[in-house]
N, C-alpha and C. Protein backbone atom coordinates (compact mmCIF):
# COMPACT_ATOMS: atom_id res chain seq x y z
N MET A 1 0.84 -1.16 -0.02
CA MET A 1 0.05 -0.04 -0.01
C MET A 1 0.86 1.19 0.02
N VAL A 2 1.96 1.20 0.65
CA VAL A 2 2.90 2.26 0.76
C VAL A 2 3.52 2.68 -0.64
N GLU A 3 3.73 1.60 -1.33
CA GLU A 3 4.39 1.80 -2.66
C GLU A 3 3.33 2.43 -3.61
N LEU A 4 2.14 2.14 -3.45
CA LEU A 4 1.00 2.70 -4.26
C LEU A 4 0.94 4.22 -3.98
N VAL A 5 0.83 4.60 -2.72
CA VAL A 5 0.74 6.00 -2.35
C VAL A 5 1.99 6.72 -2.76
N GLU A 6 3.11 6.21 -2.56
CA GLU A 6 4.35 6.82 -2.99
C GLU A 6 4.45 7.02 -4.46
N PHE A 7 3.96 6.07 -5.29
CA PHE A 7 3.92 6.15 -6.74
C PHE A 7 2.93 7.42 -7.18
N LEU A 8 1.79 7.42 -6.57
CA LEU A 8 0.83 8.49 -6.88
C LEU A 8 1.40 9.91 -6.57
N VAL A 9 1.93 10.01 -5.30
CA VAL A 9 2.45 11.29 -4.88
C VAL A 9 3.59 11.78 -5.76
N LYS A 10 4.57 10.83 -6.02
CA LYS A 10 5.69 11.19 -6.87
C LYS A 10 5.34 11.75 -8.24
N LYS A 11 4.23 11.29 -8.78
CA LYS A 11 3.78 11.81 -10.04
C LYS A 11 3.19 13.24 -9.97
N LEU A 12 2.86 13.68 -8.79
CA LEU A 12 2.26 14.99 -8.63
C LEU A 12 3.30 16.12 -8.33
N VAL A 13 4.39 15.77 -7.65
CA VAL A 13 5.32 16.74 -7.17
C VAL A 13 6.46 17.03 -8.16
N ASN A 14 7.21 18.14 -7.99
CA ASN A 14 8.35 18.52 -8.71
C ASN A 14 9.59 17.77 -8.10
N ASP A 15 9.67 17.75 -6.80
CA ASP A 15 10.85 17.29 -6.07
C ASP A 15 10.61 15.89 -5.59
N GLU A 16 10.80 14.83 -6.45
CA GLU A 16 10.46 13.48 -6.05
C GLU A 16 11.35 12.92 -4.95
N GLN A 17 12.58 13.47 -4.78
CA GLN A 17 13.52 13.01 -3.78
C GLN A 17 13.02 13.35 -2.37
N ALA A 18 12.19 14.38 -2.32
CA ALA A 18 11.69 14.81 -0.93
C ALA A 18 10.47 14.06 -0.48
N VAL A 19 9.99 13.13 -1.27
CA VAL A 19 8.78 12.41 -0.90
C VAL A 19 9.14 11.34 -0.01
N ALA A 20 8.50 11.25 1.22
CA ALA A 20 8.70 10.26 2.17
C ALA A 20 7.38 9.70 2.63
N VAL A 21 7.18 8.43 2.54
CA VAL A 21 5.95 7.80 2.85
C VAL A 21 6.18 6.62 3.93
N THR A 22 5.61 6.72 5.12
CA THR A 22 5.87 5.75 6.05
C THR A 22 4.52 5.13 6.43
N GLN A 23 4.54 3.92 7.03
CA GLN A 23 3.36 3.24 7.47
C GLN A 23 3.41 2.92 8.88
N GLU A 24 2.34 3.01 9.57
CA GLU A 24 2.24 2.70 11.02
C GLU A 24 1.03 1.87 11.27
N GLU A 25 1.13 0.75 11.99
CA GLU A 25 -0.02 -0.11 12.24
C GLU A 25 -0.24 -0.18 13.75
N ASN A 26 -1.53 0.02 14.22
CA ASN A 26 -1.72 -0.02 15.61
C ASN A 26 -2.27 -1.44 16.04
N GLU A 27 -2.48 -1.66 17.26
CA GLU A 27 -2.86 -3.01 17.74
C GLU A 27 -4.26 -3.48 17.20
N ASN A 28 -5.14 -2.54 16.75
CA ASN A 28 -6.44 -2.93 16.22
C ASN A 28 -6.32 -3.34 14.77
N GLY A 29 -5.15 -3.29 14.16
CA GLY A 29 -4.97 -3.67 12.79
C GLY A 29 -5.26 -2.45 11.77
N GLU A 30 -5.46 -1.24 12.33
CA GLU A 30 -5.63 -0.10 11.50
C GLU A 30 -4.29 0.43 11.07
N VAL A 31 -4.17 0.76 9.80
CA VAL A 31 -2.90 1.32 9.15
C VAL A 31 -3.06 2.75 8.88
N THR A 32 -2.01 3.55 9.31
CA THR A 32 -2.00 4.93 8.97
C THR A 32 -0.67 5.18 8.10
N ILE A 33 -0.99 5.79 6.91
CA ILE A 33 0.17 6.11 5.97
C ILE A 33 0.40 7.58 6.08
N HIS A 34 1.57 7.91 6.44
CA HIS A 34 2.04 9.29 6.61
C HIS A 34 2.80 9.76 5.30
N VAL A 35 2.36 10.85 4.70
CA VAL A 35 3.01 11.34 3.48
C VAL A 35 3.65 12.70 3.73
N SER A 36 4.98 12.76 3.53
CA SER A 36 5.70 14.05 3.68
C SER A 36 6.33 14.44 2.38
N VAL A 37 6.12 15.70 1.98
CA VAL A 37 6.70 16.23 0.73
C VAL A 37 7.41 17.52 1.04
N ASN A 38 8.06 18.08 0.05
CA ASN A 38 8.65 19.42 0.13
C ASN A 38 7.49 20.36 0.30
N PRO A 39 7.68 21.33 1.22
CA PRO A 39 6.62 22.30 1.49
C PRO A 39 6.15 23.04 0.20
N ASP A 40 7.00 23.21 -0.70
CA ASP A 40 6.60 23.95 -1.95
C ASP A 40 5.65 23.07 -2.78
N ASP A 41 5.69 21.75 -2.60
CA ASP A 41 4.82 20.75 -3.40
C ASP A 41 3.58 20.45 -2.61
N MET A 42 3.42 20.87 -1.40
CA MET A 42 2.25 20.39 -0.58
C MET A 42 0.93 20.80 -1.23
N GLY A 43 0.93 22.01 -1.77
CA GLY A 43 -0.32 22.44 -2.47
C GLY A 43 -0.65 21.54 -3.62
N LYS A 44 0.28 21.04 -4.34
CA LYS A 44 -0.05 20.12 -5.44
C LYS A 44 -0.56 18.79 -4.96
N VAL A 45 -0.14 18.36 -3.89
CA VAL A 45 -0.63 17.05 -3.37
C VAL A 45 -1.96 17.20 -2.74
N ILE A 46 -2.26 18.32 -2.07
CA ILE A 46 -3.59 18.55 -1.46
C ILE A 46 -4.66 18.92 -2.56
N GLY A 47 -4.26 19.86 -3.43
CA GLY A 47 -5.12 20.27 -4.44
C GLY A 47 -6.12 21.24 -4.01
N LYS A 48 -6.93 21.88 -4.95
CA LYS A 48 -7.86 22.88 -4.56
C LYS A 48 -8.96 22.26 -3.71
N ASN A 49 -9.24 22.86 -2.55
CA ASN A 49 -10.24 22.41 -1.58
C ASN A 49 -9.98 20.90 -1.19
N GLY A 50 -8.77 20.42 -1.24
CA GLY A 50 -8.41 19.09 -0.80
C GLY A 50 -8.87 18.00 -1.74
N LYS A 51 -9.14 18.37 -2.96
CA LYS A 51 -9.74 17.32 -3.93
C LYS A 51 -8.77 16.22 -4.26
N ILE A 52 -7.55 16.56 -4.48
CA ILE A 52 -6.55 15.55 -4.80
C ILE A 52 -6.24 14.60 -3.66
N ALA A 53 -6.10 15.26 -2.50
CA ALA A 53 -5.86 14.40 -1.21
C ALA A 53 -7.14 13.55 -1.00
N SER A 54 -8.19 14.00 -1.20
CA SER A 54 -9.47 13.22 -1.03
C SER A 54 -9.51 12.01 -1.99
N ALA A 55 -9.10 12.29 -3.25
CA ALA A 55 -9.12 11.27 -4.32
C ALA A 55 -8.09 10.21 -3.93
N ILE A 56 -6.92 10.62 -3.39
CA ILE A 56 -5.93 9.55 -3.06
C ILE A 56 -6.46 8.77 -1.93
N ARG A 57 -7.10 9.39 -0.87
CA ARG A 57 -7.71 8.63 0.21
C ARG A 57 -8.76 7.65 -0.23
N THR A 58 -9.61 8.12 -1.12
CA THR A 58 -10.65 7.23 -1.62
C THR A 58 -10.12 6.09 -2.41
N PHE A 59 -9.07 6.29 -3.20
CA PHE A 59 -8.40 5.22 -3.89
C PHE A 59 -7.79 4.16 -2.99
N VAL A 60 -7.07 4.67 -2.07
CA VAL A 60 -6.46 3.81 -1.05
C VAL A 60 -7.47 3.07 -0.22
N LYS A 61 -8.56 3.73 0.11
CA LYS A 61 -9.63 3.01 0.91
C LYS A 61 -10.29 1.87 0.09
N SER A 62 -10.44 2.09 -1.22
CA SER A 62 -11.06 1.08 -2.11
C SER A 62 -10.11 -0.18 -2.28
N VAL A 63 -8.84 0.12 -2.38
CA VAL A 63 -7.88 -0.97 -2.58
C VAL A 63 -7.75 -1.69 -1.16
N SER A 64 -7.78 -0.92 -0.14
CA SER A 64 -7.56 -1.63 1.21
C SER A 64 -8.81 -2.51 1.60
N SER A 65 -10.02 -2.09 1.14
CA SER A 65 -11.12 -2.88 1.48
C SER A 65 -11.16 -4.26 0.94
N ARG A 66 -10.36 -4.43 -0.15
CA ARG A 66 -10.17 -5.81 -0.75
C ARG A 66 -9.44 -6.67 0.28
N GLU A 67 -8.51 -6.06 1.06
CA GLU A 67 -7.68 -6.77 2.02
C GLU A 67 -8.35 -6.73 3.40
N HIS A 68 -9.52 -6.19 3.55
CA HIS A 68 -10.30 -6.11 4.77
C HIS A 68 -9.52 -5.34 5.90
N LYS A 69 -8.91 -4.20 5.49
CA LYS A 69 -8.11 -3.49 6.43
C LYS A 69 -8.67 -2.03 6.43
N LYS A 70 -8.41 -1.30 7.53
CA LYS A 70 -8.71 0.16 7.52
C LYS A 70 -7.36 0.77 7.36
N VAL A 71 -7.40 1.68 6.42
CA VAL A 71 -6.16 2.39 6.02
C VAL A 71 -6.49 3.87 5.94
N PHE A 72 -5.72 4.68 6.64
CA PHE A 72 -5.92 6.17 6.73
C PHE A 72 -4.58 6.77 6.05
N VAL A 73 -4.82 7.91 5.36
CA VAL A 73 -3.69 8.62 4.78
C VAL A 73 -3.68 10.01 5.32
N LYS A 74 -2.51 10.37 5.91
CA LYS A 74 -2.33 11.70 6.50
C LYS A 74 -1.20 12.39 5.69
N PHE A 75 -1.51 13.63 5.38
CA PHE A 75 -0.54 14.43 4.63
C PHE A 75 0.05 15.53 5.57
N GLY A 76 1.35 15.74 5.54
CA GLY A 76 1.98 16.72 6.42
C GLY A 76 3.42 16.47 6.52
N GLU A 77 4.02 17.19 7.47
CA GLU A 77 5.42 17.06 7.61
C GLU A 77 5.88 16.03 8.62
């Protein structure tokens, strides 16, 4: 799942080297994916009114539902 998010985000930003995607799983089996990018590229990842970030979250949610897991995507530093 991390590779998928990393691929999507790298296609959106100018500075691909600054993209960092990490995964954290809690004891309930819920997975949180943290996405960090260059501050200049953050607007491209979030999009107008958060539409791109929402689309990424929706895509990840649909893929994770096949694996019967709850996955959350958080954008920030």
